[in-house]
Amino acid sequence: MLKGTIATSMNFNSVIDGKLTVYMSAQIPENGSANTSIAVQDRELYEANKAECRKDIEEFNKLVYAMEDKRVTETKGVNEDEAEE
């Protein structure tokens, strides 16, 4: 029997003056919560542009939340279909 999981990967960057400043990634399984990682790549640019970087991080988190919500809705629909069979 084949068993496994399906997950969505998301990778985004906050870029300041053409330079990678913050790297953001998420693994979103079909069941459960996302595992996210946010890493500052250029501390000096981050410190000088905190507001813009934090705005990008907020946007990233909104995308992750939206994908989590979509996964929950999709999984709920699949489980309901299985229950009908």
N, C-alpha and C. Protein backbone atom coordinates (compact mmCIF):
# COMPACT_ATOMS: atom_id res chain seq x y z
N MET A 1 0.84 -1.18 0.00
CA MET A 1 0.00 0.00 0.00
C MET A 1 0.89 1.24 0.00
N LEU A 2 0.59 2.11 -0.89
CA LEU A 2 1.33 3.37 -0.98
C LEU A 2 0.72 4.38 -0.02
N LYS A 3 1.55 4.93 0.84
CA LYS A 3 1.11 5.97 1.77
C LYS A 3 2.08 7.13 1.68
N GLY A 4 1.58 8.32 1.85
CA GLY A 4 2.44 9.50 1.82
C GLY A 4 1.66 10.75 2.08
N THR A 5 2.31 11.84 1.92
CA THR A 5 1.67 13.14 2.10
C THR A 5 2.01 14.03 0.92
N ILE A 6 1.17 15.01 0.74
CA ILE A 6 1.40 16.03 -0.28
C ILE A 6 1.58 17.35 0.46
N ALA A 7 2.59 18.07 0.09
CA ALA A 7 2.83 19.37 0.71
C ALA A 7 3.10 20.41 -0.36
N THR A 8 2.78 21.62 -0.04
CA THR A 8 3.07 22.75 -0.91
C THR A 8 4.28 23.47 -0.36
N SER A 9 5.23 23.78 -1.23
CA SER A 9 6.41 24.55 -0.82
C SER A 9 6.27 25.98 -1.34
N MET A 10 6.66 26.91 -0.51
CA MET A 10 6.65 28.32 -0.90
C MET A 10 8.02 28.90 -0.55
N ASN A 11 8.62 29.63 -1.47
CA ASN A 11 9.90 30.28 -1.24
C ASN A 11 9.83 31.70 -1.79
N PHE A 12 10.09 32.67 -0.93
CA PHE A 12 10.04 34.07 -1.32
C PHE A 12 11.25 34.81 -0.77
N ASN A 13 11.56 35.94 -1.37
CA ASN A 13 12.67 36.78 -0.93
C ASN A 13 12.21 38.22 -0.80
N SER A 14 12.76 38.89 0.19
CA SER A 14 12.62 40.34 0.28
C SER A 14 13.91 40.89 -0.32
N VAL A 15 13.77 41.64 -1.41
CA VAL A 15 14.92 42.14 -2.14
C VAL A 15 14.98 43.66 -2.01
N ILE A 16 16.12 44.15 -1.55
CA ILE A 16 16.34 45.58 -1.38
C ILE A 16 17.51 45.97 -2.28
N ASP A 17 17.31 46.97 -3.13
CA ASP A 17 18.36 47.43 -4.05
C ASP A 17 18.97 46.28 -4.84
N GLY A 18 18.13 45.34 -5.23
CA GLY A 18 18.58 44.20 -6.02
C GLY A 18 19.31 43.13 -5.23
N LYS A 19 19.36 43.27 -3.91
CA LYS A 19 20.08 42.30 -3.08
C LYS A 19 19.11 41.53 -2.20
N LEU A 20 19.34 40.22 -2.13
CA LEU A 20 18.54 39.36 -1.26
C LEU A 20 18.78 39.78 0.18
N THR A 21 17.71 40.18 0.86
CA THR A 21 17.83 40.68 2.23
C THR A 21 17.23 39.71 3.23
N VAL A 22 16.04 39.17 2.91
CA VAL A 22 15.39 38.20 3.77
C VAL A 22 14.87 37.05 2.91
N TYR A 23 15.14 35.83 3.33
CA TYR A 23 14.65 34.63 2.66
C TYR A 23 13.54 34.04 3.50
N MET A 24 12.42 33.70 2.86
CA MET A 24 11.27 33.14 3.56
C MET A 24 10.84 31.86 2.85
N SER A 25 10.57 30.83 3.62
CA SER A 25 10.10 29.58 3.02
C SER A 25 9.05 28.95 3.93
N ALA A 26 8.22 28.13 3.31
CA ALA A 26 7.19 27.41 4.07
C ALA A 26 6.94 26.07 3.41
N GLN A 27 6.70 25.07 4.23
CA GLN A 27 6.22 23.76 3.81
C GLN A 27 4.82 23.64 4.42
N ILE A 28 3.83 23.43 3.57
CA ILE A 28 2.45 23.37 4.04
C ILE A 28 1.90 21.99 3.70
N PRO A 29 1.78 21.12 4.70
CA PRO A 29 1.26 19.78 4.44
C PRO A 29 -0.24 19.81 4.19
N GLU A 30 -0.75 18.73 3.59
CA GLU A 30 -2.19 18.69 3.33
C GLU A 30 -2.98 18.67 4.63
N ASN A 31 -2.40 18.15 5.68
CA ASN A 31 -3.03 18.14 7.00
C ASN A 31 -2.07 18.83 7.97
N GLY A 32 -2.57 19.73 8.76
CA GLY A 32 -1.72 20.34 9.77
C GLY A 32 -1.26 21.74 9.42
N SER A 33 -0.40 22.25 10.28
CA SER A 33 0.06 23.62 10.16
C SER A 33 1.35 23.71 9.35
N ALA A 34 1.59 24.89 8.84
CA ALA A 34 2.78 25.15 8.04
C ALA A 34 4.02 25.18 8.92
N ASN A 35 5.13 24.82 8.31
CA ASN A 35 6.44 24.96 8.93
C ASN A 35 7.13 26.08 8.15
N THR A 36 7.35 27.21 8.81
CA THR A 36 7.92 28.35 8.11
C THR A 36 9.32 28.67 8.62
N SER A 37 10.08 29.32 7.76
CA SER A 37 11.43 29.75 8.10
C SER A 37 11.66 31.13 7.49
N ILE A 38 12.17 32.04 8.30
CA ILE A 38 12.49 33.38 7.83
C ILE A 38 13.92 33.66 8.27
N ALA A 39 14.79 33.94 7.30
CA ALA A 39 16.20 34.15 7.60
C ALA A 39 16.68 35.46 6.98
N VAL A 40 17.26 36.31 7.83
CA VAL A 40 17.85 37.55 7.34
C VAL A 40 19.18 37.19 6.68
N GLN A 41 19.33 37.58 5.42
CA GLN A 41 20.53 37.26 4.66
C GLN A 41 21.55 38.40 4.68
N ASP A 42 21.05 39.63 4.81
CA ASP A 42 21.94 40.80 4.84
C ASP A 42 21.49 41.69 5.99
N ARG A 43 22.13 41.54 7.13
CA ARG A 43 21.73 42.24 8.36
C ARG A 43 21.75 43.76 8.16
N GLU A 44 22.76 44.28 7.51
CA GLU A 44 22.89 45.73 7.32
C GLU A 44 21.72 46.28 6.50
N LEU A 45 21.40 45.63 5.38
CA LEU A 45 20.26 46.08 4.57
C LEU A 45 18.95 45.91 5.33
N TYR A 46 18.83 44.83 6.08
CA TYR A 46 17.62 44.60 6.86
C TYR A 46 17.43 45.74 7.87
N GLU A 47 18.47 46.04 8.62
CA GLU A 47 18.37 47.08 9.65
C GLU A 47 18.03 48.43 9.03
N ALA A 48 18.57 48.73 7.86
CA ALA A 48 18.33 50.01 7.20
C ALA A 48 16.96 50.07 6.53
N ASN A 49 16.33 48.89 6.33
CA ASN A 49 15.05 48.82 5.60
C ASN A 49 14.03 47.93 6.31
N LYS A 50 14.03 48.00 7.64
CA LYS A 50 13.17 47.12 8.43
C LYS A 50 11.70 47.21 8.03
N ALA A 51 11.22 48.42 7.83
CA ALA A 51 9.79 48.59 7.52
C ALA A 51 9.42 47.84 6.25
N GLU A 52 10.22 48.00 5.21
CA GLU A 52 9.93 47.33 3.94
C GLU A 52 10.08 45.81 4.07
N CYS A 53 11.12 45.36 4.76
CA CYS A 53 11.31 43.91 4.96
C CYS A 53 10.16 43.32 5.76
N ARG A 54 9.76 44.02 6.81
CA ARG A 54 8.66 43.50 7.64
C ARG A 54 7.34 43.49 6.86
N LYS A 55 7.16 44.45 5.97
CA LYS A 55 5.98 44.44 5.11
C LYS A 55 6.00 43.19 4.23
N ASP A 56 7.16 42.88 3.66
CA ASP A 56 7.29 41.67 2.84
C ASP A 56 7.02 40.41 3.66
N ILE A 57 7.52 40.38 4.89
CA ILE A 57 7.29 39.23 5.78
C ILE A 57 5.80 39.09 6.08
N GLU A 58 5.13 40.20 6.33
CA GLU A 58 3.68 40.16 6.58
C GLU A 58 2.94 39.62 5.36
N GLU A 59 3.33 40.06 4.17
CA GLU A 59 2.70 39.56 2.93
C GLU A 59 2.94 38.06 2.77
N PHE A 60 4.15 37.62 3.06
CA PHE A 60 4.48 36.20 3.00
C PHE A 60 3.58 35.42 3.96
N ASN A 61 3.47 35.91 5.19
CA ASN A 61 2.62 35.22 6.18
C ASN A 61 1.17 35.15 5.72
N LYS A 62 0.67 36.20 5.09
CA LYS A 62 -0.70 36.18 4.57
C LYS A 62 -0.85 35.10 3.50
N LEU A 63 0.16 34.96 2.64
CA LEU A 63 0.12 33.92 1.61
C LEU A 63 0.12 32.53 2.24
N VAL A 64 0.93 32.35 3.28
CA VAL A 64 0.99 31.07 3.98
C VAL A 64 -0.37 30.77 4.62
N TYR A 65 -0.95 31.75 5.31
CA TYR A 65 -2.25 31.54 5.95
C TYR A 65 -3.32 31.19 4.92
N ALA A 66 -3.29 31.88 3.79
CA ALA A 66 -4.27 31.61 2.74
C ALA A 66 -4.12 30.18 2.21
N MET A 67 -2.88 29.73 2.04
CA MET A 67 -2.65 28.38 1.56
C MET A 67 -3.07 27.35 2.62
N GLU A 68 -2.79 27.63 3.89
CA GLU A 68 -3.24 26.74 4.96
C GLU A 68 -4.76 26.62 4.93
N ASP A 69 -5.45 27.75 4.81
CA ASP A 69 -6.91 27.74 4.79
C ASP A 69 -7.43 26.98 3.58
N LYS A 70 -6.78 27.16 2.44
CA LYS A 70 -7.18 26.45 1.23
C LYS A 70 -6.99 24.95 1.42
N ARG A 71 -5.87 24.55 2.01
CA ARG A 71 -5.60 23.13 2.24
C ARG A 71 -6.65 22.52 3.17
N VAL A 72 -7.01 23.24 4.22
CA VAL A 72 -8.01 22.74 5.16
C VAL A 72 -9.33 22.53 4.44
N THR A 73 -9.72 23.48 3.60
CA THR A 73 -10.97 23.38 2.85
C THR A 73 -10.91 22.21 1.87
N GLU A 74 -9.80 22.06 1.15
CA GLU A 74 -9.65 20.96 0.20
C GLU A 74 -9.67 19.62 0.92
N THR A 75 -8.94 19.50 2.02
CA THR A 75 -8.87 18.25 2.77
C THR A 75 -10.23 17.91 3.36
N LYS A 76 -10.93 18.91 3.87
CA LYS A 76 -12.26 18.69 4.43
C LYS A 76 -13.18 18.15 3.34
N GLY A 77 -13.12 18.71 2.15
CA GLY A 77 -13.94 18.24 1.04
C GLY A 77 -13.61 16.81 0.66
N VAL A 78 -12.33 16.45 0.65
CA VAL A 78 -11.92 15.08 0.32
C VAL A 78 -12.42 14.12 1.38
N ASN A 79 -12.27 14.48 2.64
CA ASN A 79 -12.73 13.62 3.72
C ASN A 79 -14.24 13.43 3.67
N GLU A 80 -14.97 14.46 3.32
CA GLU A 80 -16.42 14.34 3.22
C GLU A 80 -16.79 13.42 2.06
N ASP A 81 -16.05 13.50 0.95
CA ASP A 81 -16.30 12.62 -0.20
C ASP A 81 -16.04 11.17 0.18
N GLU A 82 -14.96 10.92 0.93
CA GLU A 82 -14.65 9.56 1.35
C GLU A 82 -15.74 9.00 2.26
N ALA A 83 -16.30 9.85 3.13
CA ALA A 83 -17.33 9.42 4.06
C ALA A 83 -18.60 9.00 3.30
N GLU A 84 -18.84 9.63 2.13
CA GLU A 84 -20.04 9.31 1.36
C GLU A 84 -19.92 7.98 0.65
N GLU A 85 -18.70 7.50 0.39
CA GLU A 85 -18.51 6.26 -0.35
C GLU A 85 -18.85 5.03 0.43
